[in-house]
Amino acid sequence: MANHKSALKRIRANETKRLRNRYQHKTTRSYVKKLRATTEHGVALEVYKTVSSMLDRLAKKNVIHKNKAANQKSKLAKFVNKLAVA
């Protein structure tokens, strides 16, 4: 157990941040699944904008790696563009 006041505060802060990161990461994954399940281009485009923003935010805060965010955005963009053609 930590002996210093600052160490105890750091433990509390880390736990709060961990829970917030888990929530945001899980929410983003749910939106990605929602986007993948979409069959209409217009709806997919709106959801893609939201998901793209969420992925950027996660990458900025180092919850996920920036390259992972870029890869996911790229694949989702391809998916949305395919819906426009079909």
PDB file of N, CA and C in Angstrom:
ATOM      1  N   MET A   1       0.838  -1.191   0.000  1.00  0.00           N
ATOM      2  CA  MET A   1       0.000   0.000   0.000  1.00  0.00           C
ATOM      3  C   MET A   1       0.877   1.246   0.000  1.00  0.00           C
ATOM      4  N   ALA A   2       0.385   2.293  -0.632  1.00  0.00           N
ATOM      5  CA  ALA A   2       1.143   3.535  -0.745  1.00  0.00           C
ATOM      6  C   ALA A   2       1.245   4.228   0.616  1.00  0.00           C
ATOM      7  N   ASN A   3       2.363   4.890   0.822  1.00  0.00           N
ATOM      8  CA  ASN A   3       2.598   5.576   2.093  1.00  0.00           C
ATOM      9  C   ASN A   3       2.409   7.085   2.013  1.00  0.00           C
ATOM     10  N   HIS A   4       2.503   7.650   0.830  1.00  0.00           N
ATOM     11  CA  HIS A   4       2.420   9.098   0.683  1.00  0.00           C
ATOM     12  C   HIS A   4       1.035   9.514   0.210  1.00  0.00           C
ATOM     13  N   LYS A   5       0.655  10.719   0.636  1.00  0.00           N
ATOM     14  CA  LYS A   5      -0.643  11.269   0.249  1.00  0.00           C
ATOM     15  C   LYS A   5      -0.763  11.383  -1.270  1.00  0.00           C
ATOM     16  N   SER A   6       0.312  11.833  -1.912  1.00  0.00           N
ATOM     17  CA  SER A   6       0.278  12.016  -3.363  1.00  0.00           C
ATOM     18  C   SER A   6       0.144  10.682  -4.086  1.00  0.00           C
ATOM     19  N   ALA A   7       0.747   9.631  -3.512  1.00  0.00           N
ATOM     20  CA  ALA A   7       0.646   8.304  -4.131  1.00  0.00           C
ATOM     21  C   ALA A   7      -0.784   7.774  -4.023  1.00  0.00           C
ATOM     22  N   LEU A   8      -1.415   8.034  -2.895  1.00  0.00           N
ATOM     23  CA  LEU A   8      -2.809   7.604  -2.723  1.00  0.00           C
ATOM     24  C   LEU A   8      -3.717   8.335  -3.710  1.00  0.00           C
ATOM     25  N   LYS A   9      -3.461   9.633  -3.880  1.00  0.00           N
ATOM     26  CA  LYS A   9      -4.250  10.417  -4.829  1.00  0.00           C
ATOM     27  C   LYS A   9      -4.034   9.908  -6.256  1.00  0.00           C
ATOM     28  N   ARG A  10      -2.799   9.576  -6.589  1.00  0.00           N
ATOM     29  CA  ARG A  10      -2.480   9.062  -7.925  1.00  0.00           C
ATOM     30  C   ARG A  10      -3.221   7.748  -8.183  1.00  0.00           C
ATOM     31  N   ILE A  11      -3.302   6.892  -7.166  1.00  0.00           N
ATOM     32  CA  ILE A  11      -4.031   5.622  -7.303  1.00  0.00           C
ATOM     33  C   ILE A  11      -5.501   5.891  -7.600  1.00  0.00           C
ATOM     34  N   ARG A  12      -6.094   6.835  -6.867  1.00  0.00           N
ATOM     35  CA  ARG A  12      -7.502   7.179  -7.100  1.00  0.00           C
ATOM     36  C   ARG A  12      -7.703   7.754  -8.495  1.00  0.00           C
ATOM     37  N   ALA A  13      -6.815   8.653  -8.899  1.00  0.00           N
ATOM     38  CA  ALA A  13      -6.933   9.291 -10.218  1.00  0.00           C
ATOM     39  C   ALA A  13      -6.778   8.267 -11.333  1.00  0.00           C
ATOM     40  N   ASN A  14      -5.823   7.351 -11.179  1.00  0.00           N
ATOM     41  CA  ASN A  14      -5.602   6.322 -12.199  1.00  0.00           C
ATOM     42  C   ASN A  14      -6.821   5.425 -12.360  1.00  0.00           C
ATOM     43  N   GLU A  15      -7.452   5.083 -11.256  1.00  0.00           N
ATOM     44  CA  GLU A  15      -8.642   4.232 -11.326  1.00  0.00           C
ATOM     45  C   GLU A  15      -9.784   4.948 -12.052  1.00  0.00           C
ATOM     46  N   THR A  16      -9.962   6.229 -11.757  1.00  0.00           N
ATOM     47  CA  THR A  16     -11.001   7.020 -12.415  1.00  0.00           C
ATOM     48  C   THR A  16     -10.749   7.086 -13.914  1.00  0.00           C
ATOM     49  N   LYS A  17      -9.496   7.365 -14.293  1.00  0.00           N
ATOM     50  CA  LYS A  17      -9.146   7.448 -15.713  1.00  0.00           C
ATOM     51  C   LYS A  17      -9.305   6.103 -16.408  1.00  0.00           C
ATOM     52  N   ARG A  18      -8.930   5.023 -15.705  1.00  0.00           N
ATOM     53  CA  ARG A  18      -9.050   3.692 -16.282  1.00  0.00           C
ATOM     54  C   ARG A  18     -10.513   3.369 -16.608  1.00  0.00           C
ATOM     55  N   LEU A  19     -11.408   3.685 -15.687  1.00  0.00           N
ATOM     56  CA  LEU A  19     -12.829   3.421 -15.912  1.00  0.00           C
ATOM     57  C   LEU A  19     -13.378   4.273 -17.055  1.00  0.00           C
ATOM     58  N   ARG A  20     -12.955   5.541 -17.114  1.00  0.00           N
ATOM     59  CA  ARG A  20     -13.411   6.415 -18.192  1.00  0.00           C
ATOM     60  C   ARG A  20     -12.905   5.906 -19.535  1.00  0.00           C
ATOM     61  N   ASN A  21     -11.645   5.482 -19.592  1.00  0.00           N
ATOM     62  CA  ASN A  21     -11.076   4.953 -20.831  1.00  0.00           C
ATOM     63  C   ASN A  21     -11.795   3.685 -21.271  1.00  0.00           C
ATOM     64  N   ARG A  22     -12.093   2.806 -20.327  1.00  0.00           N
ATOM     65  CA  ARG A  22     -12.807   1.568 -20.654  1.00  0.00           C
ATOM     66  C   ARG A  22     -14.177   1.879 -21.241  1.00  0.00           C
ATOM     67  N   TYR A  23     -14.878   2.832 -20.622  1.00  0.00           N
ATOM     68  CA  TYR A  23     -16.202   3.213 -21.096  1.00  0.00           C
ATOM     69  C   TYR A  23     -16.132   3.769 -22.516  1.00  0.00           C
ATOM     70  N   GLN A  24     -15.204   4.689 -22.755  1.00  0.00           N
ATOM     71  CA  GLN A  24     -15.096   5.310 -24.077  1.00  0.00           C
ATOM     72  C   GLN A  24     -14.674   4.298 -25.137  1.00  0.00           C
ATOM     73  N   HIS A  25     -13.773   3.387 -24.780  1.00  0.00           N
ATOM     74  CA  HIS A  25     -13.314   2.371 -25.727  1.00  0.00           C
ATOM     75  C   HIS A  25     -14.458   1.419 -26.081  1.00  0.00           C
ATOM     76  N   LYS A  26     -15.204   1.007 -25.080  1.00  0.00           N
ATOM     77  CA  LYS A  26     -16.326   0.089 -25.310  1.00  0.00           C
ATOM     78  C   LYS A  26     -17.418   0.763 -26.139  1.00  0.00           C
ATOM     79  N   THR A  27     -17.697   2.021 -25.862  1.00  0.00           N
ATOM     80  CA  THR A  27     -18.701   2.763 -26.613  1.00  0.00           C
ATOM     81  C   THR A  27     -18.302   2.879 -28.079  1.00  0.00           C
ATOM     82  N   THR A  28     -17.024   3.140 -28.309  1.00  0.00           N
ATOM     83  CA  THR A  28     -16.527   3.249 -29.681  1.00  0.00           C
ATOM     84  C   THR A  28     -16.670   1.925 -30.412  1.00  0.00           C
ATOM     85  N   ARG A  29     -16.328   0.827 -29.738  1.00  0.00           N
ATOM     86  CA  ARG A  29     -16.469  -0.497 -30.362  1.00  0.00           C
ATOM     87  C   ARG A  29     -17.927  -0.782 -30.709  1.00  0.00           C
ATOM     88  N   SER A  30     -18.849  -0.353 -29.846  1.00  0.00           N
ATOM     89  CA  SER A  30     -20.272  -0.549 -30.118  1.00  0.00           C
ATOM     90  C   SER A  30     -20.705   0.232 -31.359  1.00  0.00           C
ATOM     91  N   TYR A  31     -20.201   1.447 -31.488  1.00  0.00           N
ATOM     92  CA  TYR A  31     -20.523   2.260 -32.668  1.00  0.00           C
ATOM     93  C   TYR A  31     -19.950   1.652 -33.940  1.00  0.00           C
ATOM     94  N   VAL A  32     -18.762   1.050 -33.842  1.00  0.00           N
ATOM     95  CA  VAL A  32     -18.161   0.395 -35.008  1.00  0.00           C
ATOM     96  C   VAL A  32     -19.048  -0.777 -35.443  1.00  0.00           C
ATOM     97  N   LYS A  33     -19.532  -1.556 -34.473  1.00  0.00           N
ATOM     98  CA  LYS A  33     -20.427  -2.671 -34.792  1.00  0.00           C
ATOM     99  C   LYS A  33     -21.720  -2.163 -35.426  1.00  0.00           C
ATOM    100  N   LYS A  34     -22.237  -1.059 -34.883  1.00  0.00           N
ATOM    101  CA  LYS A  34     -23.452  -0.454 -35.426  1.00  0.00           C
ATOM    102  C   LYS A  34     -23.230  -0.022 -36.875  1.00  0.00           C
ATOM    103  N   LEU A  35     -22.067   0.563 -37.152  1.00  0.00           N
ATOM    104  CA  LEU A  35     -21.744   0.993 -38.508  1.00  0.00           C
ATOM    105  C   LEU A  35     -21.634  -0.193 -39.442  1.00  0.00           C
ATOM    106  N   ARG A  36     -20.985  -1.257 -39.004  1.00  0.00           N
ATOM    107  CA  ARG A  36     -20.821  -2.455 -39.834  1.00  0.00           C
ATOM    108  C   ARG A  36     -22.171  -3.101 -40.166  1.00  0.00           C
ATOM    109  N   ALA A  37     -23.140  -2.951 -39.272  1.00  0.00           N
ATOM    110  CA  ALA A  37     -24.454  -3.554 -39.477  1.00  0.00           C
ATOM    111  C   ALA A  37     -25.347  -2.714 -40.390  1.00  0.00           C
ATOM    112  N   THR A  38     -24.941  -1.487 -40.670  1.00  0.00           N
ATOM    113  CA  THR A  38     -25.739  -0.575 -41.484  1.00  0.00           C
ATOM    114  C   THR A  38     -25.694  -0.982 -42.958  1.00  0.00           C
ATOM    115  N   THR A  39     -26.833  -0.813 -43.642  1.00  0.00           N
ATOM    116  CA  THR A  39     -26.892  -1.160 -45.063  1.00  0.00           C
ATOM    117  C   THR A  39     -27.189   0.050 -45.946  1.00  0.00           C
ATOM    118  N   GLU A  40     -27.557   1.181 -45.360  1.00  0.00           N
ATOM    119  CA  GLU A  40     -27.858   2.385 -46.134  1.00  0.00           C
ATOM    120  C   GLU A  40     -26.683   3.362 -46.078  1.00  0.00           C
ATOM    121  N   HIS A  41     -26.346   3.924 -47.228  1.00  0.00           N
ATOM    122  CA  HIS A  41     -25.178   4.807 -47.323  1.00  0.00           C
ATOM    123  C   HIS A  41     -25.348   6.076 -46.488  1.00  0.00           C
ATOM    124  N   GLY A  42     -26.494   6.705 -46.547  1.00  0.00           N
ATOM    125  CA  GLY A  42     -26.716   7.959 -45.818  1.00  0.00           C
ATOM    126  C   GLY A  42     -26.556   7.793 -44.316  1.00  0.00           C
ATOM    127  N   VAL A  43     -27.159   6.742 -43.792  1.00  0.00           N
ATOM    128  CA  VAL A  43     -27.065   6.471 -42.355  1.00  0.00           C
ATOM    129  C   VAL A  43     -25.628   6.130 -41.988  1.00  0.00           C
ATOM    130  N   ALA A  44     -24.990   5.315 -42.830  1.00  0.00           N
ATOM    131  CA  ALA A  44     -23.607   4.896 -42.568  1.00  0.00           C
ATOM    132  C   ALA A  44     -22.672   6.102 -42.550  1.00  0.00           C
ATOM    133  N   LEU A  45     -22.917   7.057 -43.417  1.00  0.00           N
ATOM    134  CA  LEU A  45     -22.067   8.245 -43.485  1.00  0.00           C
ATOM    135  C   LEU A  45     -22.145   9.048 -42.186  1.00  0.00           C
ATOM    136  N   GLU A  46     -23.351   9.193 -41.656  1.00  0.00           N
ATOM    137  CA  GLU A  46     -23.528   9.919 -40.390  1.00  0.00           C
ATOM    138  C   GLU A  46     -22.824   9.193 -39.240  1.00  0.00           C
ATOM    139  N   VAL A  47     -23.017   7.877 -39.173  1.00  0.00           N
ATOM    140  CA  VAL A  47     -22.395   7.099 -38.098  1.00  0.00           C
ATOM    141  C   VAL A  47     -20.879   7.113 -38.262  1.00  0.00           C
ATOM    142  N   TYR A  48     -20.400   7.077 -39.509  1.00  0.00           N
ATOM    143  CA  TYR A  48     -18.950   7.083 -39.755  1.00  0.00           C
ATOM    144  C   TYR A  48     -18.309   8.359 -39.213  1.00  0.00           C
ATOM    145  N   LYS A  49     -18.976   9.497 -39.383  1.00  0.00           N
ATOM    146  CA  LYS A  49     -18.438  10.753 -38.861  1.00  0.00           C
ATOM    147  C   LYS A  49     -18.265  10.680 -37.344  1.00  0.00           C
ATOM    148  N   THR A  50     -19.262  10.113 -36.674  1.00  0.00           N
ATOM    149  CA  THR A  50     -19.203   9.977 -35.223  1.00  0.00           C
ATOM    150  C   THR A  50     -18.073   9.032 -34.816  1.00  0.00           C
ATOM    151  N   VAL A  51     -18.008   7.878 -35.483  1.00  0.00           N
ATOM    152  CA  VAL A  51     -17.001   6.876 -35.147  1.00  0.00           C
ATOM    153  C   VAL A  51     -15.601   7.419 -35.404  1.00  0.00           C
ATOM    154  N   SER A  52     -15.432   8.125 -36.500  1.00  0.00           N
ATOM    155  CA  SER A  52     -14.138   8.692 -36.837  1.00  0.00           C
ATOM    156  C   SER A  52     -13.671   9.651 -35.745  1.00  0.00           C
ATOM    157  N   SER A  53     -14.565  10.476 -35.280  1.00  0.00           N
ATOM    158  CA  SER A  53     -14.249  11.415 -34.218  1.00  0.00           C
ATOM    159  C   SER A  53     -13.884  10.678 -32.928  1.00  0.00           C
ATOM    160  N   MET A  54     -14.631   9.639 -32.610  1.00  0.00           N
ATOM    161  CA  MET A  54     -14.364   8.861 -31.398  1.00  0.00           C
ATOM    162  C   MET A  54     -12.996   8.190 -31.464  1.00  0.00           C
ATOM    163  N   LEU A  55     -12.677   7.622 -32.629  1.00  0.00           N
ATOM    164  CA  LEU A  55     -11.378   6.962 -32.787  1.00  0.00           C
ATOM    165  C   LEU A  55     -10.231   7.963 -32.652  1.00  0.00           C
ATOM    166  N   ASP A  56     -10.415   9.140 -33.242  1.00  0.00           N
ATOM    167  CA  ASP A  56      -9.387  10.177 -33.121  1.00  0.00           C
ATOM    168  C   ASP A  56      -9.174  10.566 -31.664  1.00  0.00           C
ATOM    169  N   ARG A  57     -10.264  10.678 -30.937  1.00  0.00           N
ATOM    170  CA  ARG A  57     -10.173  11.063 -29.530  1.00  0.00           C
ATOM    171  C   ARG A  57      -9.444   9.996 -28.716  1.00  0.00           C
ATOM    172  N   LEU A  58      -9.762   8.710 -28.984  1.00  0.00           N
ATOM    173  CA  LEU A  58      -9.089   7.621 -28.268  1.00  0.00           C
ATOM    174  C   LEU A  58      -7.597   7.608 -28.580  1.00  0.00           C
ATOM    175  N   ALA A  59      -7.243   7.849 -29.834  1.00  0.00           N
ATOM    176  CA  ALA A  59      -5.832   7.859 -30.224  1.00  0.00           C
ATOM    177  C   ALA A  59      -5.108   9.042 -29.582  1.00  0.00           C
ATOM    178  N   LYS A  60      -5.776  10.180 -29.541  1.00  0.00           N
ATOM    179  CA  LYS A  60      -5.166  11.374 -28.951  1.00  0.00           C
ATOM    180  C   LYS A  60      -4.845  11.157 -27.476  1.00  0.00           C
ATOM    181  N   LYS A  61      -5.716  10.428 -26.782  1.00  0.00           N
ATOM    182  CA  LYS A  61      -5.528  10.192 -25.349  1.00  0.00           C
ATOM    183  C   LYS A  61      -4.762   8.904 -25.067  1.00  0.00           C
ATOM    184  N   ASN A  62      -4.201   8.300 -26.111  1.00  0.00           N
ATOM    185  CA  ASN A  62      -3.385   7.088 -25.980  1.00  0.00           C
ATOM    186  C   ASN A  62      -4.141   5.904 -25.387  1.00  0.00           C
ATOM    187  N   VAL A  63      -5.444   5.852 -25.601  1.00  0.00           N
ATOM    188  CA  VAL A  63      -6.202   4.668 -25.205  1.00  0.00           C
ATOM    189  C   VAL A  63      -5.952   3.577 -26.243  1.00  0.00           C
ATOM    190  N   ILE A  64      -5.896   3.974 -27.520  1.00  0.00           N
ATOM    191  CA  ILE A  64      -5.485   3.069 -28.591  1.00  0.00           C
ATOM    192  C   ILE A  64      -4.338   3.737 -29.347  1.00  0.00           C
ATOM    193  N   HIS A  65      -3.591   2.950 -30.087  1.00  0.00           N
ATOM    194  CA  HIS A  65      -2.463   3.485 -30.857  1.00  0.00           C
ATOM    195  C   HIS A  65      -2.990   4.277 -32.050  1.00  0.00           C
ATOM    196  N   LYS A  66      -2.274   5.327 -32.425  1.00  0.00           N
ATOM    197  CA  LYS A  66      -2.727   6.187 -33.527  1.00  0.00           C
ATOM    198  C   LYS A  66      -2.812   5.426 -34.841  1.00  0.00           C
ATOM    199  N   ASN A  67      -1.934   4.448 -35.051  1.00  0.00           N
ATOM    200  CA  ASN A  67      -1.988   3.660 -36.285  1.00  0.00           C
ATOM    201  C   ASN A  67      -3.209   2.745 -36.312  1.00  0.00           C
ATOM    202  N   LYS A  68      -3.595   2.230 -35.147  1.00  0.00           N
ATOM    203  CA  LYS A  68      -4.801   1.400 -35.076  1.00  0.00           C
ATOM    204  C   LYS A  68      -6.022   2.235 -35.434  1.00  0.00           C
ATOM    205  N   ALA A  69      -6.077   3.440 -34.920  1.00  0.00           N
ATOM    206  CA  ALA A  69      -7.192   4.336 -35.235  1.00  0.00           C
ATOM    207  C   ALA A  69      -7.228   4.626 -36.734  1.00  0.00           C
ATOM    208  N   ALA A  70      -6.065   4.885 -37.318  1.00  0.00           N
ATOM    209  CA  ALA A  70      -5.988   5.176 -38.751  1.00  0.00           C
ATOM    210  C   ALA A  70      -6.432   3.976 -39.574  1.00  0.00           C
ATOM    211  N   ASN A  71      -5.995   2.782 -39.186  1.00  0.00           N
ATOM    212  CA  ASN A  71      -6.383   1.563 -39.908  1.00  0.00           C
ATOM    213  C   ASN A  71      -7.891   1.338 -39.840  1.00  0.00           C
ATOM    214  N   GLN A  72      -8.455   1.508 -38.650  1.00  0.00           N
ATOM    215  CA  GLN A  72      -9.898   1.306 -38.501  1.00  0.00           C
ATOM    216  C   GLN A  72     -10.679   2.327 -39.314  1.00  0.00           C
ATOM    217  N   LYS A  73     -10.263   3.580 -39.271  1.00  0.00           N
ATOM    218  CA  LYS A  73     -10.950   4.628 -40.039  1.00  0.00           C
ATOM    219  C   LYS A  73     -10.889   4.328 -41.532  1.00  0.00           C
ATOM    220  N   SER A  74      -9.732   3.860 -41.986  1.00  0.00           N
ATOM    221  CA  SER A  74      -9.556   3.540 -43.395  1.00  0.00           C
ATOM    222  C   SER A  74     -10.485   2.406 -43.829  1.00  0.00           C
ATOM    223  N   LYS A  75     -10.522   1.346 -43.044  1.00  0.00           N
ATOM    224  CA  LYS A  75     -11.371   0.203 -43.384  1.00  0.00           C
ATOM    225  C   LYS A  75     -12.847   0.578 -43.346  1.00  0.00           C
ATOM    226  N   LEU A  76     -13.228   1.383 -42.369  1.00  0.00           N
ATOM    227  CA  LEU A  76     -14.623   1.802 -42.274  1.00  0.00           C
ATOM    228  C   LEU A  76     -14.995   2.734 -43.426  1.00  0.00           C
ATOM    229  N   ALA A  77     -14.061   3.573 -43.849  1.00  0.00           N
ATOM    230  CA  ALA A  77     -14.311   4.468 -44.980  1.00  0.00           C
ATOM    231  C   ALA A  77     -14.536   3.647 -46.251  1.00  0.00           C
ATOM    232  N   LYS A  78     -13.741   2.608 -46.441  1.00  0.00           N
ATOM    233  CA  LYS A  78     -13.924   1.724 -47.591  1.00  0.00           C
ATOM    234  C   LYS A  78     -15.302   1.079 -47.549  1.00  0.00           C
ATOM    235  N   PHE A  79     -15.702   0.649 -46.350  1.00  0.00           N
ATOM    236  CA  PHE A  79     -17.008   0.013 -46.176  1.00  0.00           C
ATOM    237  C   PHE A  79     -18.129   0.978 -46.552  1.00  0.00           C
ATOM    238  N   VAL A  80     -18.037   2.222 -46.074  1.00  0.00           N
ATOM    239  CA  VAL A  80     -19.081   3.229 -46.360  1.00  0.00           C
ATOM    240  C   VAL A  80     -19.118   3.537 -47.851  1.00  0.00           C
ATOM    241  N   ASN A  81     -17.955   3.629 -48.482  1.00  0.00           N
ATOM    242  CA  ASN A  81     -17.913   3.920 -49.915  1.00  0.00           C
ATOM    243  C   ASN A  81     -18.483   2.778 -50.750  1.00  0.00           C
ATOM    244  N   LYS A  82     -18.304   1.554 -50.305  1.00  0.00           N
ATOM    245  CA  LYS A  82     -18.883   0.405 -51.007  1.00  0.00           C
ATOM    246  C   LYS A  82     -20.414   0.453 -50.958  1.00  0.00           C
ATOM    247  N   LEU A  83     -20.940   0.959 -49.838  1.00  0.00           N
ATOM    248  CA  LEU A  83     -22.400   1.070 -49.725  1.00  0.00           C
ATOM    249  C   LEU A  83     -22.946   2.072 -50.739  1.00  0.00           C
ATOM    250  N   ALA A  84     -22.180   3.090 -51.061  1.00  0.00           N
ATOM    251  CA  ALA A  84     -22.620   4.107 -52.026  1.00  0.00           C
ATOM    252  C   ALA A  84     -22.731   3.514 -53.416  1.00  0.00           C
ATOM    253  N   VAL A  85     -21.819   2.610 -53.754  1.00  0.00           N
ATOM    254  CA  VAL A  85     -21.794   1.990 -55.081  1.00  0.00           C
ATOM    255  C   VAL A  85     -22.920   0.975 -55.209  1.00  0.00           C
ATOM    256  N   ALA A  86     -23.115   0.210 -54.145  1.00  0.00           N
ATOM    257  CA  ALA A  86     -24.097  -0.883 -54.208  1.00  0.00           C
ATOM    258  C   ALA A  86     -25.521  -0.408 -54.271  1.00  0.00           C
TER     259      ALA A  86
END
